[in-house]
Amino acid sequence: MAIKTFNVDQEVYKIFSTHCKNNGINMSKQVELFMRTFIEEDPKARDEYLKKLDKIRKGKFMKVDNFSTRYGV
């Protein structure tokens, strides 16, 4: 195990630190888990997801100027 130094916004650190303490979570392990998830992500699955998302975005949609007027909400 190595000790590393990172620059993190003080407010973000404070909130995350409090969250970890309140939930009995090891902050270092959470950062490590985030890094591991980031580098182990399967690029093929991500590409497939992005293609599906792009297809959805290009779908046929009905234009609604005022949602509450149109649907009575």
N, C-alpha and C. Protein backbone atom coordinates (compact mmCIF):
# COMPACT_ATOMS: atom_id res chain seq x y z
N MET A 1 0.85 -1.18 0.00
CA MET A 1 0.00 0.00 0.00
C MET A 1 0.89 1.23 0.00
N ALA A 2 0.47 2.26 -0.73
CA ALA A 2 1.24 3.49 -0.83
C ALA A 2 0.42 4.66 -0.32
N ILE A 3 1.09 5.62 0.24
CA ILE A 3 0.43 6.85 0.68
C ILE A 3 0.56 7.86 -0.45
N LYS A 4 -0.58 8.41 -0.89
CA LYS A 4 -0.63 9.37 -1.98
C LYS A 4 -1.30 10.65 -1.49
N THR A 5 -0.97 11.74 -2.13
CA THR A 5 -1.57 13.03 -1.80
C THR A 5 -2.40 13.51 -2.98
N PHE A 6 -3.62 13.94 -2.71
CA PHE A 6 -4.51 14.47 -3.75
C PHE A 6 -5.01 15.84 -3.32
N ASN A 7 -5.25 16.69 -4.29
CA ASN A 7 -5.87 17.99 -4.03
C ASN A 7 -7.37 17.84 -4.23
N VAL A 8 -8.12 18.05 -3.16
CA VAL A 8 -9.57 17.90 -3.19
C VAL A 8 -10.18 19.15 -2.60
N ASP A 9 -11.29 19.58 -3.19
CA ASP A 9 -12.01 20.74 -2.67
C ASP A 9 -12.34 20.51 -1.19
N GLN A 10 -12.05 21.49 -0.37
CA GLN A 10 -12.20 21.35 1.08
C GLN A 10 -13.63 21.03 1.48
N GLU A 11 -14.60 21.67 0.86
CA GLU A 11 -16.00 21.43 1.22
C GLU A 11 -16.43 20.01 0.83
N VAL A 12 -16.00 19.55 -0.34
CA VAL A 12 -16.30 18.18 -0.77
C VAL A 12 -15.69 17.19 0.20
N TYR A 13 -14.44 17.42 0.57
CA TYR A 13 -13.76 16.54 1.52
C TYR A 13 -14.50 16.48 2.85
N LYS A 14 -14.90 17.64 3.33
CA LYS A 14 -15.58 17.72 4.63
C LYS A 14 -16.89 16.94 4.60
N ILE A 15 -17.68 17.11 3.56
CA ILE A 15 -18.97 16.43 3.46
C ILE A 15 -18.76 14.91 3.32
N PHE A 16 -17.80 14.51 2.47
CA PHE A 16 -17.56 13.09 2.27
C PHE A 16 -16.99 12.45 3.54
N SER A 17 -16.11 13.16 4.20
CA SER A 17 -15.53 12.66 5.44
C SER A 17 -16.62 12.43 6.49
N THR A 18 -17.51 13.37 6.63
CA THR A 18 -18.62 13.26 7.57
C THR A 18 -19.51 12.07 7.20
N HIS A 19 -19.80 11.94 5.92
CA HIS A 19 -20.61 10.81 5.44
C HIS A 19 -19.96 9.48 5.82
N CYS A 20 -18.67 9.38 5.56
CA CYS A 20 -17.94 8.14 5.88
C CYS A 20 -17.96 7.85 7.38
N LYS A 21 -17.71 8.88 8.19
CA LYS A 21 -17.71 8.69 9.64
C LYS A 21 -19.09 8.27 10.15
N ASN A 22 -20.13 8.91 9.64
CA ASN A 22 -21.49 8.60 10.08
C ASN A 22 -21.92 7.19 9.69
N ASN A 23 -21.34 6.66 8.62
CA ASN A 23 -21.75 5.35 8.12
C ASN A 23 -20.71 4.27 8.34
N GLY A 24 -19.66 4.60 9.11
CA GLY A 24 -18.62 3.62 9.40
C GLY A 24 -17.88 3.14 8.17
N ILE A 25 -17.65 4.05 7.24
CA ILE A 25 -16.99 3.72 5.97
C ILE A 25 -15.55 4.20 6.00
N ASN A 26 -14.64 3.40 5.48
CA ASN A 26 -13.24 3.78 5.35
C ASN A 26 -13.10 4.63 4.09
N MET A 27 -12.77 5.90 4.27
CA MET A 27 -12.70 6.84 3.14
C MET A 27 -11.68 6.40 2.11
N SER A 28 -10.52 5.96 2.55
CA SER A 28 -9.47 5.53 1.62
C SER A 28 -9.94 4.38 0.74
N LYS A 29 -10.67 3.44 1.35
CA LYS A 29 -11.19 2.31 0.57
C LYS A 29 -12.22 2.76 -0.44
N GLN A 30 -13.00 3.78 -0.11
CA GLN A 30 -13.99 4.29 -1.05
C GLN A 30 -13.31 4.93 -2.26
N VAL A 31 -12.24 5.68 -2.01
CA VAL A 31 -11.49 6.28 -3.11
C VAL A 31 -10.86 5.19 -3.97
N GLU A 32 -10.30 4.17 -3.31
CA GLU A 32 -9.70 3.05 -4.04
C GLU A 32 -10.76 2.32 -4.88
N LEU A 33 -11.94 2.10 -4.30
CA LEU A 33 -13.02 1.44 -5.02
C LEU A 33 -13.43 2.26 -6.25
N PHE A 34 -13.53 3.58 -6.08
CA PHE A 34 -13.86 4.44 -7.21
C PHE A 34 -12.82 4.30 -8.32
N MET A 35 -11.54 4.35 -7.96
CA MET A 35 -10.47 4.24 -8.94
C MET A 35 -10.50 2.88 -9.64
N ARG A 36 -10.70 1.81 -8.86
CA ARG A 36 -10.73 0.47 -9.42
C ARG A 36 -11.90 0.32 -10.40
N THR A 37 -13.07 0.83 -10.02
CA THR A 37 -14.24 0.77 -10.89
C THR A 37 -13.99 1.55 -12.18
N PHE A 38 -13.35 2.67 -12.05
CA PHE A 38 -13.07 3.53 -13.21
C PHE A 38 -12.16 2.82 -14.21
N ILE A 39 -11.09 2.17 -13.73
CA ILE A 39 -10.14 1.57 -14.66
C ILE A 39 -10.58 0.19 -15.14
N GLU A 40 -11.47 -0.48 -14.41
CA GLU A 40 -11.90 -1.81 -14.80
C GLU A 40 -13.18 -1.80 -15.62
N GLU A 41 -13.73 -0.64 -15.88
CA GLU A 41 -14.97 -0.56 -16.64
C GLU A 41 -14.76 -1.14 -18.03
N ASP A 42 -15.68 -1.97 -18.47
CA ASP A 42 -15.59 -2.60 -19.78
C ASP A 42 -15.95 -1.59 -20.86
N PRO A 43 -14.99 -1.17 -21.70
CA PRO A 43 -15.26 -0.16 -22.72
C PRO A 43 -16.33 -0.58 -23.71
N LYS A 44 -16.44 -1.89 -24.01
CA LYS A 44 -17.46 -2.35 -24.95
C LYS A 44 -18.84 -2.10 -24.40
N ALA A 45 -19.04 -2.38 -23.13
CA ALA A 45 -20.34 -2.14 -22.51
C ALA A 45 -20.66 -0.65 -22.53
N ARG A 46 -19.68 0.16 -22.28
CA ARG A 46 -19.89 1.61 -22.28
C ARG A 46 -20.25 2.09 -23.68
N ASP A 47 -19.54 1.62 -24.71
CA ASP A 47 -19.83 2.01 -26.08
C ASP A 47 -21.25 1.59 -26.48
N GLU A 48 -21.63 0.37 -26.07
CA GLU A 48 -22.97 -0.12 -26.38
C GLU A 48 -24.02 0.77 -25.72
N TYR A 49 -23.78 1.15 -24.48
CA TYR A 49 -24.71 2.03 -23.77
C TYR A 49 -24.83 3.38 -24.46
N LEU A 50 -23.68 3.96 -24.86
CA LEU A 50 -23.70 5.27 -25.51
C LEU A 50 -24.44 5.22 -26.84
N LYS A 51 -24.31 4.12 -27.58
CA LYS A 51 -25.04 3.97 -28.84
C LYS A 51 -26.54 3.92 -28.59
N LYS A 52 -26.95 3.17 -27.57
CA LYS A 52 -28.37 3.09 -27.23
C LYS A 52 -28.90 4.45 -26.80
N LEU A 53 -28.11 5.16 -26.00
CA LEU A 53 -28.51 6.48 -25.55
C LEU A 53 -28.66 7.44 -26.72
N ASP A 54 -27.74 7.38 -27.66
CA ASP A 54 -27.80 8.24 -28.85
C ASP A 54 -29.05 7.93 -29.67
N LYS A 55 -29.39 6.65 -29.79
CA LYS A 55 -30.59 6.24 -30.52
C LYS A 55 -31.84 6.81 -29.84
N ILE A 56 -31.88 6.74 -28.52
CA ILE A 56 -33.02 7.28 -27.78
C ILE A 56 -33.13 8.78 -28.00
N ARG A 57 -32.01 9.47 -27.96
CA ARG A 57 -32.01 10.93 -28.14
C ARG A 57 -32.52 11.33 -29.52
N LYS A 58 -32.29 10.49 -30.52
CA LYS A 58 -32.71 10.81 -31.89
C LYS A 58 -34.12 10.33 -32.18
N GLY A 59 -34.81 9.82 -31.17
CA GLY A 59 -36.15 9.28 -31.34
C GLY A 59 -37.17 10.36 -31.69
N LYS A 60 -38.37 9.89 -32.02
CA LYS A 60 -39.46 10.81 -32.35
C LYS A 60 -40.13 11.24 -31.05
N PHE A 61 -40.15 12.53 -30.83
CA PHE A 61 -40.75 13.08 -29.62
C PHE A 61 -41.80 14.11 -29.98
N MET A 62 -42.81 14.24 -29.14
CA MET A 62 -43.85 15.23 -29.33
C MET A 62 -43.42 16.52 -28.63
N LYS A 63 -43.49 17.64 -29.34
CA LYS A 63 -43.12 18.92 -28.75
C LYS A 63 -44.26 19.40 -27.85
N VAL A 64 -43.91 19.77 -26.61
CA VAL A 64 -44.89 20.27 -25.65
C VAL A 64 -44.39 21.62 -25.15
N ASP A 65 -45.16 22.68 -25.47
CA ASP A 65 -44.75 24.02 -25.06
C ASP A 65 -44.98 24.24 -23.56
N ASN A 66 -46.12 23.80 -23.08
CA ASN A 66 -46.43 24.00 -21.67
C ASN A 66 -47.02 22.70 -21.13
N PHE A 67 -46.24 21.95 -20.40
CA PHE A 67 -46.63 20.63 -19.91
C PHE A 67 -47.88 20.69 -19.06
N SER A 68 -47.93 21.62 -18.12
CA SER A 68 -49.07 21.68 -17.20
C SER A 68 -50.36 22.04 -17.93
N THR A 69 -50.29 22.89 -18.94
CA THR A 69 -51.49 23.25 -19.71
C THR A 69 -51.94 22.06 -20.54
N ARG A 70 -51.01 21.39 -21.17
CA ARG A 70 -51.35 20.27 -22.05
C ARG A 70 -51.91 19.08 -21.28
N TYR A 71 -51.33 18.79 -20.12
CA TYR A 71 -51.72 17.59 -19.38
C TYR A 71 -52.50 17.89 -18.10
N GLY A 72 -52.81 19.13 -17.85
CA GLY A 72 -53.64 19.50 -16.71
C GLY A 72 -53.00 19.22 -15.36
N VAL A 73 -51.70 19.41 -15.26
CA VAL A 73 -51.01 19.15 -14.00
C VAL A 73 -50.87 20.43 -13.24
